[in-house]
């Protein structure tokens, strides 16, 4: 698995898409720091970009990479290799390459700005952690979609739908539920519902660390009120790690049963 991971990682790091992904974050973060100079405001601005862009890129790039490497996968399957080693190696290589581009693209401008001497260093680490977790989560979901669908058009369509659901539709449905059931106490229910959306969990994790009540929204305020910042962050982080584990187990299950 480590050999496949290494090959996939270096193959993706040489891809022009990785350079574009890295370059976007490098230029965007550098411009924000140059224009604003306030690290806390830059972290908030980057949060809004990462919560949308990281899931989108991980989902689309994951589906695209699987379909483009289909012949290579079939060659590996003909070798005396375990199926789980092949697909876990490719999945981890994809997620690590995206995380590496994100880390360098955001980290280099902050490093030149002197983030390690700043009081916002832990907020910066939480921001990076969120981006890495989202990259792993949606890369796993992308591999699941591609493994279950031989048709490329259907696979890409489902990938876009999954991203759109978690990024936009989910919040709208959640708001409708709150309006319909406004006569009932929904605080603890809202915490449970938020656990089913990794993008919401990532937003809550950052905002609880920044302690910005005006931007938290309903779910963030509930997390802070009933769980406190420490326990709320722990629960959010634990749920995000579970979101990584479940697609990984799904990849194993499908890979073992799928007829290639």
Protein backbone atom coordinates (compact mmCIF):
# COMPACT_ATOMS: atom_id res chain seq x y z
CA UNK A 1 0.00 0.00 0.00
CA UNK A 2 2.85 2.39 0.83
CA UNK A 3 4.39 1.89 -2.62
CA UNK A 4 1.06 2.62 -4.33
CA UNK A 5 0.55 5.62 -2.04
CA UNK A 6 4.01 6.94 -2.90
CA UNK A 7 3.47 6.51 -6.66
CA UNK A 8 0.03 8.15 -6.53
CA UNK A 9 1.30 11.01 -4.38
CA UNK A 10 4.24 11.88 -6.63
CA UNK A 11 2.11 11.43 -9.75
CA UNK A 12 -0.48 13.89 -8.45
CA UNK A 13 2.07 16.37 -7.12
CA UNK A 14 3.46 16.65 -10.66
CA UNK A 15 -0.02 17.33 -12.06
CA UNK A 16 -0.78 20.84 -13.31
CA UNK A 17 -4.01 20.76 -11.31
CA UNK A 18 -2.00 20.48 -8.11
CA UNK A 19 0.09 23.47 -9.17
CA UNK A 20 -3.07 25.47 -9.95
CA UNK A 21 -4.62 24.50 -6.61
CA UNK A 22 -1.45 25.47 -4.76
CA UNK A 23 -1.06 28.69 -6.79
CA UNK A 24 -4.61 29.83 -6.09
CA UNK A 25 -4.22 29.57 -2.33
CA UNK A 26 -0.75 31.13 -2.46
CA UNK A 27 -1.90 34.20 -4.40
CA UNK A 28 -5.23 34.55 -2.59
CA UNK A 29 -3.74 34.25 0.91
CA UNK A 30 -0.86 36.57 0.05
CA UNK A 31 -3.27 39.16 -1.32
CA UNK A 32 -5.50 39.00 1.77
CA UNK A 33 -2.55 39.41 4.13
CA UNK A 34 -1.14 42.28 2.06
CA UNK A 35 -4.46 44.14 1.82
CA UNK A 36 -5.74 43.48 5.34
CA UNK A 37 -2.81 42.89 7.64
CA UNK A 38 -5.21 41.52 10.29
CA UNK A 39 -4.55 37.78 10.68
CA UNK A 40 -7.89 37.14 12.42
CA UNK A 41 -9.85 38.68 9.53
CA UNK A 42 -7.77 36.76 6.99
CA UNK A 43 -8.51 33.48 8.81
CA UNK A 44 -12.25 34.23 8.64
CA UNK A 45 -12.03 35.08 4.93
CA UNK A 46 -10.05 31.91 4.20
CA UNK A 47 -12.55 29.87 6.20
CA UNK A 48 -15.34 30.82 3.82
CA UNK A 49 -13.19 29.86 0.82
CA UNK A 50 -11.90 26.58 2.28
CA UNK A 51 -15.36 25.38 3.34
CA UNK A 52 -16.56 25.63 -0.27
CA UNK A 53 -13.46 25.02 -2.36
CA UNK A 54 -11.80 22.12 -0.49
CA UNK A 55 -14.85 19.81 -0.70
CA UNK A 56 -15.48 20.78 -4.34
CA UNK A 57 -11.90 20.18 -5.50
CA UNK A 58 -11.51 16.97 -3.48
CA UNK A 59 -14.78 15.54 -4.82
CA UNK A 60 -14.24 16.42 -8.47
CA UNK A 61 -10.52 15.66 -8.52
CA UNK A 62 -11.10 12.33 -6.77
CA UNK A 63 -13.70 11.18 -9.30
CA UNK A 64 -11.61 12.43 -12.21
CA UNK A 65 -8.45 10.70 -10.98
CA UNK A 66 -10.19 7.37 -10.47
CA UNK A 67 -11.71 7.31 -13.95
CA UNK A 68 -8.45 8.45 -15.60
CA UNK A 69 -6.42 5.78 -13.80
CA UNK A 70 -8.89 2.96 -14.47
CA UNK A 71 -6.52 1.05 -16.78
CA UNK A 72 -3.69 1.35 -14.26
CA UNK A 73 -6.00 0.01 -11.53
CA UNK A 74 -6.93 -2.99 -13.68
CA UNK A 75 -3.21 -3.67 -14.22
CA UNK A 76 -2.61 -3.59 -10.47
CA UNK A 77 -5.59 -5.87 -9.86
CA UNK A 78 -3.98 -8.46 -12.12
CA UNK A 79 -0.97 -8.55 -9.78
CA UNK A 80 -0.80 -10.50 -6.49
CA UNK A 81 -1.85 -7.46 -4.50
CA UNK A 82 -4.66 -7.02 -2.02
CA UNK A 83 -7.50 -4.90 -3.34
CA UNK A 84 -7.65 -2.84 -0.15
CA UNK A 85 -3.95 -1.94 -0.54
CA UNK A 86 -4.57 -0.66 -4.07
CA UNK A 87 -7.57 1.53 -3.33
CA UNK A 88 -6.48 2.74 0.09
CA UNK A 89 -3.08 3.63 -1.37
CA UNK A 90 -4.67 5.67 -4.15
CA UNK A 91 -7.16 7.31 -1.81
CA UNK A 92 -4.49 8.33 0.70
CA UNK A 93 -2.20 9.54 -2.08
CA UNK A 94 -4.98 11.75 -3.47
CA UNK A 95 -5.99 13.15 -0.06
CA UNK A 96 -2.38 13.80 1.01
CA UNK A 97 -1.51 15.56 -2.27
CA UNK A 98 -4.51 17.89 -1.94
CA UNK A 99 -3.68 18.54 1.72
CA UNK A 100 -0.04 19.23 0.83
CA UNK A 101 -1.02 21.80 -1.83
CA UNK A 102 -3.39 23.46 0.66
CA UNK A 103 -0.79 23.50 3.43
CA UNK A 104 1.91 25.07 1.27
CA UNK A 105 -0.43 27.49 -0.50
CA UNK A 106 -1.75 28.93 2.76
CA UNK A 107 1.26 28.27 4.96
CA UNK A 108 3.96 30.07 2.92
CA UNK A 109 2.30 33.54 3.01
CA UNK A 110 1.52 33.18 6.73
CA UNK A 111 5.09 32.04 7.36
CA UNK A 112 6.50 35.16 5.70
CA UNK A 113 3.99 37.23 7.65
CA UNK A 114 5.39 35.81 10.91
CA UNK A 115 2.51 33.61 12.03
CA UNK A 116 4.68 31.73 14.57
CA UNK A 117 5.26 34.97 16.45
CA UNK A 118 1.57 35.92 16.25
CA UNK A 119 -1.15 35.29 18.81
CA UNK A 120 -3.32 33.81 16.03
CA UNK A 121 -1.14 30.76 15.49
CA UNK A 122 -3.67 28.30 16.97
CA UNK A 123 -6.47 29.76 14.84
CA UNK A 124 -4.21 29.25 11.84
CA UNK A 125 -3.61 25.61 12.80
CA UNK A 126 -7.35 24.99 13.21
CA UNK A 127 -7.95 26.51 9.75
CA UNK A 128 -5.34 24.21 8.19
CA UNK A 129 -6.70 21.20 10.10
CA UNK A 130 -10.19 21.90 8.79
CA UNK A 131 -8.97 22.04 5.20
CA UNK A 132 -7.03 18.78 5.59
CA UNK A 133 -9.98 16.96 7.18
CA UNK A 134 -12.35 18.14 4.45
CA UNK A 135 -9.87 16.99 1.79
CA UNK A 136 -9.75 13.50 3.31
CA UNK A 137 -13.54 13.31 3.79
CA UNK A 138 -14.56 14.35 0.30
CA UNK A 139 -11.74 12.42 -1.40
CA UNK A 140 -13.16 9.32 0.28
CA UNK A 141 -16.67 10.16 -0.85
CA UNK A 142 -15.38 10.72 -4.38
CA UNK A 143 -13.75 7.27 -4.48
CA UNK A 144 -16.95 5.71 -3.16
CA UNK A 145 -18.99 7.37 -5.92
CA UNK A 146 -16.53 6.36 -8.64
CA UNK A 147 -16.28 2.76 -7.40
CA UNK A 148 -20.05 2.35 -7.43
CA UNK A 149 -20.62 3.92 -10.86
CA UNK A 150 -18.94 2.74 -14.04
CA UNK A 151 -20.56 5.53 -16.07
CA UNK A 152 -18.38 8.64 -15.94
CA UNK A 153 -21.22 11.08 -16.57
CA UNK A 154 -23.28 9.58 -13.76
CA UNK A 155 -20.24 9.58 -11.47
CA UNK A 156 -19.46 13.25 -12.10
CA UNK A 157 -23.13 14.18 -11.73
CA UNK A 158 -23.40 12.42 -8.36
CA UNK A 159 -20.15 14.03 -7.21
CA UNK A 160 -21.47 17.52 -7.98
CA UNK A 161 -24.78 16.65 -6.32
CA UNK A 162 -23.05 15.43 -3.15
CA UNK A 163 -21.01 18.63 -2.90
CA UNK A 164 -24.04 20.80 -3.64
CA UNK A 165 -26.10 18.97 -1.02
CA UNK A 166 -23.60 19.45 1.80
CA UNK A 167 -22.54 22.98 0.79
CA UNK A 168 -25.93 24.53 0.01
CA UNK A 169 -29.02 22.31 0.16
CA UNK A 170 -28.39 20.85 3.62
CA UNK A 171 -28.44 24.26 5.32
CA UNK A 172 -31.67 25.17 3.52
CA UNK A 173 -33.38 21.95 4.63
CA UNK A 174 -32.12 22.47 8.17
CA UNK A 175 -33.54 25.99 8.20
CA UNK A 176 -36.92 24.71 6.99
CA UNK A 177 -36.98 22.12 9.78
CA UNK A 178 -36.27 24.83 12.34
CA UNK A 179 -39.10 26.98 10.94
CA UNK A 180 -41.64 24.13 10.81
CA UNK A 181 -40.83 22.95 14.34
CA UNK A 182 -40.18 26.33 15.93
CA UNK A 183 -42.74 25.61 18.68
CA UNK A 184 -40.57 22.79 20.05
CA UNK A 185 -37.15 22.83 21.78
CA UNK A 186 -34.71 21.86 19.04
CA UNK A 187 -31.37 22.75 20.58
CA UNK A 188 -30.09 19.21 21.17
CA UNK A 189 -31.72 18.00 17.95
CA UNK A 190 -29.83 20.64 16.00
CA UNK A 191 -26.55 19.34 17.42
CA UNK A 192 -27.40 15.85 16.16
CA UNK A 193 -28.43 17.15 12.73
CA UNK A 194 -25.20 19.17 12.40
CA UNK A 195 -23.19 15.95 12.87
CA UNK A 196 -24.44 14.74 9.47
CA UNK A 197 -22.79 17.61 7.58
CA UNK A 198 -18.96 17.73 7.61
CA UNK A 199 -18.92 21.25 6.18
CA UNK A 200 -21.08 22.57 9.03
CA UNK A 201 -18.91 20.73 11.55
CA UNK A 202 -15.78 22.32 10.07
CA UNK A 203 -17.35 25.78 10.26
CA UNK A 204 -18.36 25.23 13.87
CA UNK A 205 -14.86 23.99 14.76
CA UNK A 206 -13.24 27.19 13.46
CA UNK A 207 -15.82 29.58 14.90
CA UNK A 208 -15.70 27.98 18.35
CA UNK A 209 -11.92 28.49 18.36
CA UNK A 210 -12.26 32.08 17.18
CA UNK A 211 -15.14 32.63 19.66
CA UNK A 212 -17.02 34.92 17.26
CA UNK A 213 -20.63 34.68 18.43
CA UNK A 214 -21.93 37.05 15.75
CA UNK A 215 -20.87 34.69 12.95
CA UNK A 216 -21.67 31.34 14.56
CA UNK A 217 -25.23 30.97 13.36
CA UNK A 218 -27.77 28.79 15.11
CA UNK A 219 -25.81 25.53 15.30
CA UNK A 220 -22.58 27.22 16.37
CA UNK A 221 -24.40 29.13 19.11
CA UNK A 222 -26.05 25.91 20.34
CA UNK A 223 -22.70 24.12 20.43
CA UNK A 224 -21.20 26.93 22.51
CA UNK A 225 -24.20 27.26 24.84
CA UNK A 226 -24.79 23.59 25.64
CA UNK A 227 -21.33 22.08 25.17
CA UNK A 228 -18.97 24.99 25.68
CA UNK A 229 -16.05 25.78 23.40
CA UNK A 230 -13.81 22.93 24.62
CA UNK A 231 -16.33 20.07 24.50
CA UNK A 232 -17.95 21.49 21.35
CA UNK A 233 -14.60 21.51 19.52
CA UNK A 234 -13.86 17.97 20.72
CA UNK A 235 -17.22 16.68 19.50
CA UNK A 236 -16.84 18.46 16.16
CA UNK A 237 -13.34 17.07 15.65
CA UNK A 238 -14.44 13.55 16.65
CA UNK A 239 -17.38 13.65 14.23
CA UNK A 240 -15.08 14.82 11.41
CA UNK A 241 -12.69 11.93 12.11
CA UNK A 242 -15.67 9.58 11.95
CA UNK A 243 -16.56 11.10 8.58
CA UNK A 244 -13.08 10.07 7.39
CA UNK A 245 -13.41 6.54 8.78
CA UNK A 246 -16.80 5.72 7.24
CA UNK A 247 -15.87 6.37 3.56
CA UNK A 248 -12.62 4.47 4.12
CA UNK A 249 -14.55 1.42 5.33
CA UNK A 250 -16.97 1.88 2.42
CA UNK A 251 -14.06 1.81 -0.04
CA UNK A 252 -12.85 -1.45 1.50
CA UNK A 253 -16.30 -3.04 1.35
CA UNK A 254 -16.95 -2.11 -2.29
CA UNK A 255 -13.41 -2.97 -3.44
CA UNK A 256 -13.66 -6.48 -2.01
CA UNK A 257 -17.04 -7.20 -3.64
CA UNK A 258 -16.79 -5.32 -6.93
CA UNK A 259 -16.33 -7.30 -10.14
CA UNK A 260 -13.77 -5.43 -12.23
